[in-house]
Amino acid sequence: MVEEKNQDARYLLAALIEIYRGNSVFLPDFDPQMENILLRDVFSSAISFAQFDESRFTLSDEINKSANEGVTVKEQVELARIQTPDVLNAKMIAAAHVLKLLDNQQFMLS
């Protein structure tokens, strides 16, 4: 029996918000394609919320990694421990922004 991967985009985005706030969250195995697309959308949105050039460079690197190698929410848990408050804040705001767009039915996956 093949186990289906979680495709709940709202849960993934809400989990990201909590992760960036420093909280622990239960993480199911998400659909890898959905996960990578949503994370790339969050990183892309986060660039406009970052205050410092260094943070924007960090986010740009994450966008490139997601495009070339793929990224996961579980990797974000590890990065949240070492990234600067500006990067985490930008990602948190971006995840909330993408979630709001998704809830307004105006969101289309890249």
Protein backbone atom coordinates (compact mmCIF):
# COMPACT_ATOMS: atom_id res chain seq x y z
CA MET A 1 0.00 0.00 0.00
CA VAL A 2 1.41 3.37 -1.05
CA GLU A 3 1.22 6.01 1.66
CA GLU A 4 -0.27 9.28 0.43
CA LYS A 5 1.67 12.44 1.20
CA ASN A 6 -0.06 15.32 2.95
CA GLN A 7 -1.24 17.96 0.47
CA ASP A 8 -2.70 20.44 2.97
CA ALA A 9 -1.10 23.71 1.90
CA ARG A 10 -2.78 25.62 4.73
CA TYR A 11 -1.30 23.30 7.36
CA LEU A 12 2.15 23.58 5.78
CA LEU A 13 2.01 27.39 5.82
CA ALA A 14 0.66 27.52 9.38
CA ALA A 15 3.42 25.11 10.45
CA LEU A 16 6.02 27.37 8.83
CA ILE A 17 4.73 30.38 10.77
CA GLU A 18 5.11 28.47 14.02
CA ILE A 19 8.53 27.15 13.07
CA TYR A 20 9.77 30.66 12.29
CA ARG A 21 8.39 31.78 15.67
CA GLY A 22 10.55 29.10 17.33
CA ASN A 23 7.80 26.65 18.20
CA SER A 24 7.73 22.87 17.71
CA VAL A 25 5.18 21.56 15.25
CA PHE A 26 4.10 18.09 14.13
CA LEU A 27 5.25 17.67 10.54
CA PRO A 28 3.65 15.00 8.40
CA ASP A 29 5.30 13.88 5.17
CA PHE A 30 4.18 16.55 2.73
CA ASP A 31 3.85 16.08 -1.00
CA PRO A 32 7.38 17.02 -2.13
CA GLN A 33 6.27 19.04 -5.17
CA MET A 34 3.70 21.06 -3.20
CA GLU A 35 6.20 21.57 -0.38
CA ASN A 36 8.93 22.85 -2.69
CA ILE A 37 6.57 25.18 -4.60
CA LEU A 38 5.09 26.70 -1.44
CA LEU A 39 8.49 27.17 0.15
CA ARG A 40 9.79 28.86 -2.99
CA ASP A 41 6.75 31.16 -2.95
CA VAL A 42 7.40 31.98 0.72
CA PHE A 43 11.09 32.70 0.07
CA SER A 44 10.26 34.86 -2.95
CA SER A 45 7.71 36.86 -0.96
CA ALA A 46 10.04 37.13 2.02
CA ILE A 47 12.63 39.10 0.05
CA SER A 48 10.33 42.13 0.05
CA PHE A 49 9.83 41.87 3.83
CA ALA A 50 13.53 41.58 4.73
CA GLN A 51 15.14 44.72 6.08
CA PHE A 52 18.79 43.97 5.35
CA ASP A 53 20.66 43.15 2.14
CA GLU A 54 22.34 40.19 3.83
CA SER A 55 18.90 38.74 4.59
CA ARG A 56 17.79 39.22 0.99
CA PHE A 57 20.94 37.39 -0.19
CA THR A 58 20.17 34.52 2.20
CA LEU A 59 16.62 34.29 0.86
CA SER A 60 17.85 34.44 -2.72
CA ASP A 61 20.17 31.51 -2.00
CA GLU A 62 17.20 29.57 -0.61
CA ILE A 63 15.17 30.31 -3.75
CA ASN A 64 18.03 28.99 -5.90
CA LYS A 65 18.34 25.88 -3.75
CA SER A 66 14.61 25.22 -4.02
CA ALA A 67 14.77 25.60 -7.80
CA ASN A 68 17.84 23.41 -8.25
CA GLU A 69 17.79 20.85 -5.44
CA GLY A 70 14.43 21.12 -3.69
CA VAL A 71 13.77 22.12 -0.09
CA THR A 72 11.65 20.75 2.74
CA VAL A 73 9.84 22.07 5.77
CA LYS A 74 12.00 19.80 7.93
CA GLU A 75 15.08 21.62 6.62
CA GLN A 76 13.42 24.88 7.66
CA VAL A 77 13.25 23.61 11.24
CA GLU A 78 17.03 23.23 11.25
CA LEU A 79 17.62 26.58 9.54
CA ALA A 80 15.31 28.37 11.99
CA ARG A 81 17.84 27.59 14.73
CA ILE A 82 20.66 29.44 12.99
CA GLN A 83 19.13 32.13 10.80
CA THR A 84 18.94 35.78 11.78
CA PRO A 85 15.79 37.30 13.28
CA ASP A 86 15.37 39.43 10.14
CA VAL A 87 15.31 36.38 7.85
CA LEU A 88 12.95 34.50 10.17
CA ASN A 89 10.64 37.49 10.51
CA ALA A 90 10.56 38.01 6.74
CA LYS A 91 9.75 34.33 6.17
CA MET A 92 7.06 34.36 8.86
CA ILE A 93 5.35 37.41 7.36
CA ALA A 94 5.65 35.92 3.87
CA ALA A 95 4.12 32.59 4.99
CA ALA A 96 1.21 34.49 6.55
CA HIS A 97 0.85 36.53 3.36
CA VAL A 98 0.78 33.41 1.16
CA LEU A 99 -1.72 31.78 3.56
CA LYS A 100 -3.99 34.81 3.32
CA LEU A 101 -3.82 34.72 -0.47
CA LEU A 102 -4.61 31.03 -0.40
CA ASP A 103 -7.58 31.62 1.89
CA ASN A 104 -8.86 34.35 -0.43
CA GLN A 105 -8.74 31.88 -3.33
CA GLN A 106 -6.48 34.27 -5.22
CA PHE A 107 -3.41 32.07 -4.93
CA MET A 108 -2.07 29.97 -7.76
CA LEU A 109 0.93 27.72 -7.30
CA SER A 110 3.94 28.82 -9.35
